[in-house]
PDB file of all heavy atoms in Angstrom:
ATOM      1  N   LEU A   1       0.798  -1.209  -0.022  1.00  0.00           N
ATOM      2  CA  LEU A   1       0.008   0.015   0.007  1.00  0.00           C
ATOM      3  C   LEU A   1       0.825   1.290  -0.006  1.00  0.00           C
ATOM      4  O   LEU A   1       0.318   2.345  -0.257  1.00  0.00           O
ATOM      5  CB  LEU A   1      -0.916   0.004   1.221  1.00  0.00           C
ATOM      6  CG  LEU A   1      -2.003  -1.139   1.172  1.00  0.00           C
ATOM      7  CD1 LEU A   1      -2.899  -1.057   2.412  1.00  0.00           C
ATOM      8  CD2 LEU A   1      -2.829  -1.093  -0.055  1.00  0.00           C
ATOM      9  N   GLY A   2       2.135   1.173   0.297  1.00  0.00           N
ATOM     10  CA  GLY A   2       3.028   2.318   0.167  1.00  0.00           C
ATOM     11  C   GLY A   2       2.849   3.435   1.196  1.00  0.00           C
ATOM     12  O   GLY A   2       3.164   4.566   0.922  1.00  0.00           O
ATOM     13  N   GLU A   3       2.371   3.045   2.389  1.00  0.00           N
ATOM     14  CA  GLU A   3       2.289   4.049   3.470  1.00  0.00           C
ATOM     15  C   GLU A   3       2.941   3.486   4.758  1.00  0.00           C
ATOM     16  O   GLU A   3       2.901   2.239   4.942  1.00  0.00           O
ATOM     17  CB  GLU A   3       0.822   4.417   3.799  1.00  0.00           C
ATOM     18  CG  GLU A   3       0.195   5.388   2.828  1.00  0.00           C
ATOM     19  CD  GLU A   3      -1.095   5.976   3.352  1.00  0.00           C
ATOM     20  OE1 GLU A   3      -1.470   5.706   4.526  1.00  0.00           O
ATOM     21  OE2 GLU A   3      -1.775   6.679   2.603  1.00  0.00           O
ATOM     22  N   ASN A   4       3.408   4.322   5.577  1.00  0.00           N
ATOM     23  CA  ASN A   4       3.903   3.909   6.904  1.00  0.00           C
ATOM     24  C   ASN A   4       2.691   3.449   7.717  1.00  0.00           C
ATOM     25  O   ASN A   4       1.581   4.022   7.669  1.00  0.00           O
ATOM     26  CB  ASN A   4       4.612   5.051   7.577  1.00  0.00           C
ATOM     27  CG  ASN A   4       5.367   4.637   8.851  1.00  0.00           C
ATOM     28  OD1 ASN A   4       5.721   3.472   8.976  1.00  0.00           O
ATOM     29  ND2 ASN A   4       5.559   5.548   9.770  1.00  0.00           N
ATOM     30  N   MET A   5       2.909   2.443   8.537  1.00  0.00           N
ATOM     31  CA  MET A   5       1.840   1.894   9.371  1.00  0.00           C
ATOM     32  C   MET A   5       2.440   1.462  10.711  1.00  0.00           C
ATOM     33  O   MET A   5       3.651   1.104  10.784  1.00  0.00           O
ATOM     34  CB  MET A   5       1.175   0.695   8.730  1.00  0.00           C
ATOM     35  CG  MET A   5       0.569   0.984   7.393  1.00  0.00           C
ATOM     36  SD  MET A   5      -0.044  -0.491   6.576  1.00  0.00           S
ATOM     37  CE  MET A   5      -0.397   0.116   4.904  1.00  0.00           C
ATOM     38  N   ILE A   6       1.660   1.482  11.756  1.00  0.00           N
ATOM     39  CA  ILE A   6       2.072   1.113  13.120  1.00  0.00           C
ATOM     40  C   ILE A   6       0.983   0.296  13.762  1.00  0.00           C
ATOM     41  O   ILE A   6      -0.172   0.676  13.723  1.00  0.00           O
ATOM     42  CB  ILE A   6       2.397   2.373  13.975  1.00  0.00           C
ATOM     43  CG1 ILE A   6       3.593   3.129  13.387  1.00  0.00           C
ATOM     44  CG2 ILE A   6       2.700   1.959  15.438  1.00  0.00           C
ATOM     45  CD1 ILE A   6       3.896   4.426  14.105  1.00  0.00           C
ATOM     46  N   MET A   7       1.371  -0.822  14.313  1.00  0.00           N
ATOM     47  CA  MET A   7       0.461  -1.575  15.193  1.00  0.00           C
ATOM     48  C   MET A   7       0.541  -0.949  16.555  1.00  0.00           C
ATOM     49  O   MET A   7       1.431  -1.216  17.344  1.00  0.00           O
ATOM     50  CB  MET A   7       0.798  -3.043  15.219  1.00  0.00           C
ATOM     51  CG  MET A   7       0.776  -3.714  13.864  1.00  0.00           C
ATOM     52  SD  MET A   7       1.222  -5.465  13.860  1.00  0.00           S
ATOM     53  CE  MET A   7       2.978  -5.391  14.305  1.00  0.00           C
ATOM     54  N   LYS A   8      -0.360  -0.070  16.917  1.00  0.00           N
ATOM     55  CA  LYS A   8      -0.241   0.833  18.034  1.00  0.00           C
ATOM     56  C   LYS A   8      -0.418   0.111  19.381  1.00  0.00           C
ATOM     57  O   LYS A   8       0.361   0.226  20.307  1.00  0.00           O
ATOM     58  CB  LYS A   8      -1.146   1.972  17.935  1.00  0.00           C
ATOM     59  CG  LYS A   8      -0.924   3.140  18.896  1.00  0.00           C
ATOM     60  CD  LYS A   8       0.457   3.797  18.563  1.00  0.00           C
ATOM     61  CE  LYS A   8       0.771   4.968  19.470  1.00  0.00           C
ATOM     62  NZ  LYS A   8       2.061   5.587  19.143  1.00  0.00           N
ATOM     63  N   ARG A   9      -1.548  -0.609  19.511  1.00  0.00           N
ATOM     64  CA  ARG A   9      -1.858  -1.180  20.811  1.00  0.00           C
ATOM     65  C   ARG A   9      -3.010  -2.210  20.662  1.00  0.00           C
ATOM     66  O   ARG A   9      -3.691  -2.249  19.658  1.00  0.00           O
ATOM     67  CB  ARG A   9      -2.316  -0.087  21.837  1.00  0.00           C
ATOM     68  CG  ARG A   9      -3.427   0.805  21.253  1.00  0.00           C
ATOM     69  CD  ARG A   9      -3.836   1.852  22.241  1.00  0.00           C
ATOM     70  NE  ARG A   9      -4.755   2.831  21.611  1.00  0.00           N
ATOM     71  CZ  ARG A   9      -5.538   3.617  22.236  1.00  0.00           C
ATOM     72  NH1 ARG A   9      -5.593   3.619  23.563  1.00  0.00           N
ATOM     73  NH2 ARG A   9      -6.315   4.533  21.599  1.00  0.00           N
ATOM     74  N   ALA A  10      -3.137  -3.008  21.730  1.00  0.00           N
ATOM     75  CA  ALA A  10      -4.235  -3.967  21.736  1.00  0.00           C
ATOM     76  C   ALA A  10      -4.698  -4.143  23.174  1.00  0.00           C
ATOM     77  O   ALA A  10      -3.916  -4.046  24.137  1.00  0.00           O
ATOM     78  CB  ALA A  10      -3.775  -5.327  21.147  1.00  0.00           C
ATOM     79  N   ALA A  11      -5.983  -4.444  23.342  1.00  0.00           N
ATOM     80  CA  ALA A  11      -6.530  -4.789  24.650  1.00  0.00           C
ATOM     81  C   ALA A  11      -7.249  -6.102  24.517  1.00  0.00           C
ATOM     82  O   ALA A  11      -7.957  -6.374  23.510  1.00  0.00           O
ATOM     83  CB  ALA A  11      -7.496  -3.705  25.094  1.00  0.00           C
ATOM     84  N   TRP A  12      -7.081  -6.966  25.514  1.00  0.00           N
ATOM     85  CA  TRP A  12      -7.813  -8.251  25.557  1.00  0.00           C
ATOM     86  C   TRP A  12      -8.508  -8.390  26.846  1.00  0.00           C
ATOM     87  O   TRP A  12      -7.974  -8.046  27.918  1.00  0.00           O
ATOM     88  CB  TRP A  12      -6.795  -9.368  25.405  1.00  0.00           C
ATOM     89  CG  TRP A  12      -7.385 -10.753  25.676  1.00  0.00           C
ATOM     90  CD1 TRP A  12      -7.961 -11.578  24.794  1.00  0.00           C
ATOM     91  CD2 TRP A  12      -7.352 -11.526  26.906  1.00  0.00           C
ATOM     92  NE1 TRP A  12      -8.363 -12.762  25.356  1.00  0.00           N
ATOM     93  CE2 TRP A  12      -7.948 -12.756  26.679  1.00  0.00           C
ATOM     94  CE3 TRP A  12      -6.832 -11.199  28.160  1.00  0.00           C
ATOM     95  CZ2 TRP A  12      -8.096 -13.732  27.701  1.00  0.00           C
ATOM     96  CZ3 TRP A  12      -6.999 -12.136  29.174  1.00  0.00           C
ATOM     97  CH2 TRP A  12      -7.636 -13.409  28.937  1.00  0.00           C
ATOM     98  N   VAL A  13      -9.813  -8.724  26.836  1.00  0.00           N
ATOM     99  CA  VAL A  13     -10.585  -8.945  28.055  1.00  0.00           C
ATOM    100  C   VAL A  13     -11.284 -10.287  27.935  1.00  0.00           C
ATOM    101  O   VAL A  13     -11.644 -10.753  26.868  1.00  0.00           O
ATOM    102  CB  VAL A  13     -11.610  -7.859  28.289  1.00  0.00           C
ATOM    103  CG1 VAL A  13     -10.936  -6.505  28.471  1.00  0.00           C
ATOM    104  CG2 VAL A  13     -12.682  -7.796  27.258  1.00  0.00           C
ATOM    105  N   SER A  14     -11.437 -10.906  29.070  1.00  0.00           N
ATOM    106  CA  SER A  14     -12.135 -12.223  29.123  1.00  0.00           C
ATOM    107  C   SER A  14     -12.920 -12.273  30.456  1.00  0.00           C
ATOM    108  O   SER A  14     -12.473 -11.736  31.431  1.00  0.00           O
ATOM    109  CB  SER A  14     -11.153 -13.393  29.036  1.00  0.00           C
ATOM    110  OG  SER A  14     -11.876 -14.605  28.847  1.00  0.00           O
ATOM    111  N   VAL A  15     -14.082 -12.927  30.381  1.00  0.00           N
ATOM    112  CA  VAL A  15     -14.960 -12.958  31.542  1.00  0.00           C
ATOM    113  C   VAL A  15     -15.414 -14.379  31.822  1.00  0.00           C
ATOM    114  O   VAL A  15     -15.456 -15.184  30.913  1.00  0.00           O
ATOM    115  CB  VAL A  15     -16.162 -12.000  31.415  1.00  0.00           C
ATOM    116  CG1 VAL A  15     -15.710 -10.549  31.226  1.00  0.00           C
ATOM    117  CG2 VAL A  15     -17.021 -12.473  30.222  1.00  0.00           C
ATOM    118  N   PRO A  16     -15.839 -14.680  33.056  1.00  0.00           N
ATOM    119  CA  PRO A  16     -16.446 -15.982  33.347  1.00  0.00           C
ATOM    120  C   PRO A  16     -17.771 -16.115  32.660  1.00  0.00           C
ATOM    121  O   PRO A  16     -18.319 -15.189  32.111  1.00  0.00           O
ATOM    122  CB  PRO A  16     -16.571 -15.984  34.907  1.00  0.00           C
ATOM    123  CG  PRO A  16     -15.782 -14.827  35.335  1.00  0.00           C
ATOM    124  CD  PRO A  16     -15.683 -13.842  34.265  1.00  0.00           C
ATOM    125  N   GLU A  17     -18.347 -17.344  32.735  1.00  0.00           N
ATOM    126  CA  GLU A  17     -19.605 -17.638  32.011  1.00  0.00           C
ATOM    127  C   GLU A  17     -20.727 -16.729  32.510  1.00  0.00           C
ATOM    128  O   GLU A  17     -21.655 -16.442  31.734  1.00  0.00           O
ATOM    129  CB  GLU A  17     -19.942 -19.089  32.204  1.00  0.00           C
ATOM    130  CG  GLU A  17     -19.051 -20.063  31.443  1.00  0.00           C
ATOM    131  CD  GLU A  17     -19.298 -20.014  29.944  1.00  0.00           C
ATOM    132  OE1 GLU A  17     -20.382 -19.540  29.571  1.00  0.00           O
ATOM    133  OE2 GLU A  17     -18.412 -20.339  29.181  1.00  0.00           O
ATOM    134  N   ASN A  18     -20.715 -16.350  33.782  1.00  0.00           N
ATOM    135  CA  ASN A  18     -21.838 -15.576  34.332  1.00  0.00           C
ATOM    136  C   ASN A  18     -21.695 -14.066  34.203  1.00  0.00           C
ATOM    137  O   ASN A  18     -22.511 -13.321  34.683  1.00  0.00           O
ATOM    138  CB  ASN A  18     -22.005 -15.932  35.798  1.00  0.00           C
ATOM    139  CG  ASN A  18     -20.726 -15.668  36.634  1.00  0.00           C
ATOM    140  OD1 ASN A  18     -19.646 -15.759  36.161  1.00  0.00           O
ATOM    141  ND2 ASN A  18     -20.952 -15.240  37.900  1.00  0.00           N
ATOM    142  N   PHE A  19     -20.619 -13.609  33.440  1.00  0.00           N
ATOM    143  CA  PHE A  19     -20.401 -12.203  33.139  1.00  0.00           C
ATOM    144  C   PHE A  19     -20.788 -12.003  31.684  1.00  0.00           C
ATOM    145  O   PHE A  19     -21.035 -12.942  30.955  1.00  0.00           O
ATOM    146  CB  PHE A  19     -18.977 -11.783  33.393  1.00  0.00           C
ATOM    147  CG  PHE A  19     -18.579 -11.616  34.815  1.00  0.00           C
ATOM    148  CD1 PHE A  19     -19.133 -12.455  35.826  1.00  0.00           C
ATOM    149  CD2 PHE A  19     -17.674 -10.682  35.207  1.00  0.00           C
ATOM    150  CE1 PHE A  19     -18.774 -12.288  37.167  1.00  0.00           C
ATOM    151  CE2 PHE A  19     -17.316 -10.529  36.538  1.00  0.00           C
ATOM    152  CZ  PHE A  19     -17.869 -11.360  37.525  1.00  0.00           C
ATOM    153  N   PHE A  20     -20.787 -10.756  31.239  1.00  0.00           N
ATOM    154  CA  PHE A  20     -20.833 -10.488  29.792  1.00  0.00           C
ATOM    155  C   PHE A  20     -20.068  -9.233  29.451  1.00  0.00           C
ATOM    156  O   PHE A  20     -19.715  -8.416  30.340  1.00  0.00           O
ATOM    157  CB  PHE A  20     -22.321 -10.321  29.343  1.00  0.00           C
ATOM    158  CG  PHE A  20     -23.021  -9.108  29.886  1.00  0.00           C
ATOM    159  CD1 PHE A  20     -23.085  -7.942  29.091  1.00  0.00           C
ATOM    160  CD2 PHE A  20     -23.698  -9.140  31.075  1.00  0.00           C
ATOM    161  CE1 PHE A  20     -23.770  -6.820  29.549  1.00  0.00           C
ATOM    162  CE2 PHE A  20     -24.393  -7.996  31.523  1.00  0.00           C
ATOM    163  CZ  PHE A  20     -24.409  -6.857  30.784  1.00  0.00           C
ATOM    164  N   ILE A  21     -19.704  -9.153  28.177  1.00  0.00           N
ATOM    165  CA  ILE A  21     -18.920  -8.024  27.652  1.00  0.00           C
ATOM    166  C   ILE A  21     -19.807  -7.206  26.701  1.00  0.00           C
ATOM    167  O   ILE A  21     -20.216  -7.709  25.656  1.00  0.00           O
ATOM    168  CB  ILE A  21     -17.666  -8.510  26.909  1.00  0.00           C
ATOM    169  CG1 ILE A  21     -16.769  -9.353  27.809  1.00  0.00           C
ATOM    170  CG2 ILE A  21     -16.853  -7.303  26.381  1.00  0.00           C
ATOM    171  CD1 ILE A  21     -15.605 -10.043  27.098  1.00  0.00           C
ATOM    172  N   GLY A  22     -20.053  -5.931  27.059  1.00  0.00           N
ATOM    173  CA  GLY A  22     -20.682  -5.066  26.096  1.00  0.00           C
ATOM    174  C   GLY A  22     -19.677  -4.494  25.153  1.00  0.00           C
ATOM    175  O   GLY A  22     -18.501  -4.305  25.552  1.00  0.00           O
ATOM    176  N   TYR A  23     -20.072  -4.178  23.928  1.00  0.00           N
ATOM    177  CA  TYR A  23     -19.100  -3.663  22.974  1.00  0.00           C
ATOM    178  C   TYR A  23     -19.774  -2.719  21.950  1.00  0.00           C
ATOM    179  O   TYR A  23     -20.937  -2.906  21.655  1.00  0.00           O
ATOM    180  CB  TYR A  23     -18.335  -4.831  22.272  1.00  0.00           C
ATOM    181  CG  TYR A  23     -19.281  -5.784  21.581  1.00  0.00           C
ATOM    182  CD1 TYR A  23     -19.604  -5.607  20.188  1.00  0.00           C
ATOM    183  CD2 TYR A  23     -19.838  -6.901  22.224  1.00  0.00           C
ATOM    184  CE1 TYR A  23     -20.436  -6.551  19.542  1.00  0.00           C
ATOM    185  CE2 TYR A  23     -20.637  -7.787  21.580  1.00  0.00           C
ATOM    186  CZ  TYR A  23     -20.956  -7.597  20.264  1.00  0.00           C
ATOM    187  OH  TYR A  23     -21.807  -8.475  19.604  1.00  0.00           O
ATOM    188  N   TYR A  24     -18.979  -1.893  21.393  1.00  0.00           N
ATOM    189  CA  TYR A  24     -19.499  -0.910  20.409  1.00  0.00           C
ATOM    190  C   TYR A  24     -18.304  -0.335  19.646  1.00  0.00           C
ATOM    191  O   TYR A  24     -17.257  -0.054  20.172  1.00  0.00           O
ATOM    192  CB  TYR A  24     -20.300   0.184  21.092  1.00  0.00           C
ATOM    193  CG  TYR A  24     -20.781   1.255  20.138  1.00  0.00           C
ATOM    194  CD1 TYR A  24     -21.852   0.993  19.270  1.00  0.00           C
ATOM    195  CD2 TYR A  24     -20.206   2.508  20.108  1.00  0.00           C
ATOM    196  CE1 TYR A  24     -22.346   1.962  18.388  1.00  0.00           C
ATOM    197  CE2 TYR A  24     -20.684   3.500  19.229  1.00  0.00           C
ATOM    198  CZ  TYR A  24     -21.754   3.210  18.371  1.00  0.00           C
ATOM    199  OH  TYR A  24     -22.198   4.167  17.534  1.00  0.00           O
ATOM    200  N   VAL A  25     -18.526  -0.173  18.292  1.00  0.00           N
ATOM    201  CA  VAL A  25     -17.542   0.510  17.485  1.00  0.00           C
ATOM    202  C   VAL A  25     -18.265   1.569  16.626  1.00  0.00           C
ATOM    203  O   VAL A  25     -19.349   1.311  16.145  1.00  0.00           O
ATOM    204  CB  VAL A  25     -16.805  -0.550  16.520  1.00  0.00           C
ATOM    205  CG1 VAL A  25     -15.912   0.238  15.509  1.00  0.00           C
ATOM    206  CG2 VAL A  25     -15.932  -1.462  17.367  1.00  0.00           C
ATOM    207  N   HIS A  26     -17.680   2.721  16.535  1.00  0.00           N
ATOM    208  CA  HIS A  26     -18.243   3.856  15.854  1.00  0.00           C
ATOM    209  C   HIS A  26     -17.386   4.331  14.698  1.00  0.00           C
ATOM    210  O   HIS A  26     -16.198   4.342  14.794  1.00  0.00           O
ATOM    211  CB  HIS A  26     -18.531   5.002  16.823  1.00  0.00           C
ATOM    212  CG  HIS A  26     -19.185   6.219  16.211  1.00  0.00           C
ATOM    213  ND1 HIS A  26     -20.571   6.218  15.922  1.00  0.00           N
ATOM    214  CD2 HIS A  26     -18.675   7.389  15.767  1.00  0.00           C
ATOM    215  CE1 HIS A  26     -20.905   7.364  15.403  1.00  0.00           C
ATOM    216  NE2 HIS A  26     -19.757   8.114  15.257  1.00  0.00           N
ATOM    217  N   GLY A  27     -18.073   4.728  13.617  1.00  0.00           N
ATOM    218  CA  GLY A  27     -17.342   5.308  12.448  1.00  0.00           C
ATOM    219  C   GLY A  27     -16.815   4.264  11.532  1.00  0.00           C
ATOM    220  O   GLY A  27     -15.668   4.349  11.027  1.00  0.00           O
ATOM    221  N   ALA A  28     -17.604   3.230  11.308  1.00  0.00           N
ATOM    222  CA  ALA A  28     -17.182   2.102  10.479  1.00  0.00           C
ATOM    223  C   ALA A  28     -17.010   2.512   9.003  1.00  0.00           C
ATOM    224  O   ALA A  28     -17.881   3.177   8.477  1.00  0.00           O
ATOM    225  CB  ALA A  28     -18.219   0.937  10.620  1.00  0.00           C
ATOM    226  N   PRO A  29     -15.949   2.062   8.346  1.00  0.00           N
ATOM    227  CA  PRO A  29     -15.760   2.287   6.903  1.00  0.00           C
ATOM    228  C   PRO A  29     -16.690   1.342   6.137  1.00  0.00           C
ATOM    229  O   PRO A  29     -17.149   0.332   6.652  1.00  0.00           O
ATOM    230  CB  PRO A  29     -14.295   1.965   6.677  1.00  0.00           C
ATOM    231  CG  PRO A  29     -13.973   0.943   7.706  1.00  0.00           C
ATOM    232  CD  PRO A  29     -14.816   1.293   8.894  1.00  0.00           C
ATOM    233  N   PRO A  30     -16.922   1.624   4.842  1.00  0.00           N
ATOM    234  CA  PRO A  30     -17.673   0.732   3.996  1.00  0.00           C
ATOM    235  C   PRO A  30     -17.020  -0.628   3.968  1.00  0.00           C
ATOM    236  O   PRO A  30     -15.765  -0.714   3.871  1.00  0.00           O
ATOM    237  CB  PRO A  30     -17.684   1.374   2.619  1.00  0.00           C
ATOM    238  CG  PRO A  30     -17.375   2.818   2.913  1.00  0.00           C
ATOM    239  CD  PRO A  30     -16.497   2.829   4.082  1.00  0.00           C
ATOM    240  N   SER A  31     -17.766  -1.701   4.011  1.00  0.00           N
ATOM    241  CA  SER A  31     -17.193  -3.043   3.967  1.00  0.00           C
ATOM    242  C   SER A  31     -18.176  -3.975   3.234  1.00  0.00           C
ATOM    243  O   SER A  31     -19.361  -3.733   3.131  1.00  0.00           O
ATOM    244  CB  SER A  31     -16.972  -3.587   5.414  1.00  0.00           C
ATOM    245  OG  SER A  31     -16.419  -4.872   5.363  1.00  0.00           O
ATOM    246  N   GLY A  32     -17.627  -5.057   2.721  1.00  0.00           N
ATOM    247  CA  GLY A  32     -18.431  -6.024   1.985  1.00  0.00           C
ATOM    248  C   GLY A  32     -17.610  -7.285   1.761  1.00  0.00           C
ATOM    249  O   GLY A  32     -18.085  -8.217   1.120  1.00  0.00           O
ATOM    250  N   ASN A  33     -16.431  -7.279   2.315  1.00  0.00           N
ATOM    251  CA  ASN A  33     -15.558  -8.458   2.172  1.00  0.00           C
ATOM    252  C   ASN A  33     -15.945  -9.535   3.202  1.00  0.00           C
ATOM    253  O   ASN A  33     -15.856  -9.316   4.412  1.00  0.00           O
ATOM    254  CB  ASN A  33     -14.068  -8.049   2.404  1.00  0.00           C
ATOM    255  CG  ASN A  33     -13.083  -9.090   2.019  1.00  0.00           C
ATOM    256  OD1 ASN A  33     -13.468 -10.324   2.066  1.00  0.00           O
ATOM    257  ND2 ASN A  33     -11.901  -8.739   1.698  1.00  0.00           N
TER     258      ASN A  33
END
């Protein structure tokens, strides 16, 4: 692609069976793949 790129950071969370993880992402690009 010819641009500089950086893998900046990552977060991982895990919960027991009786917990749950809420999640949300905003500003999604067009996708269809």
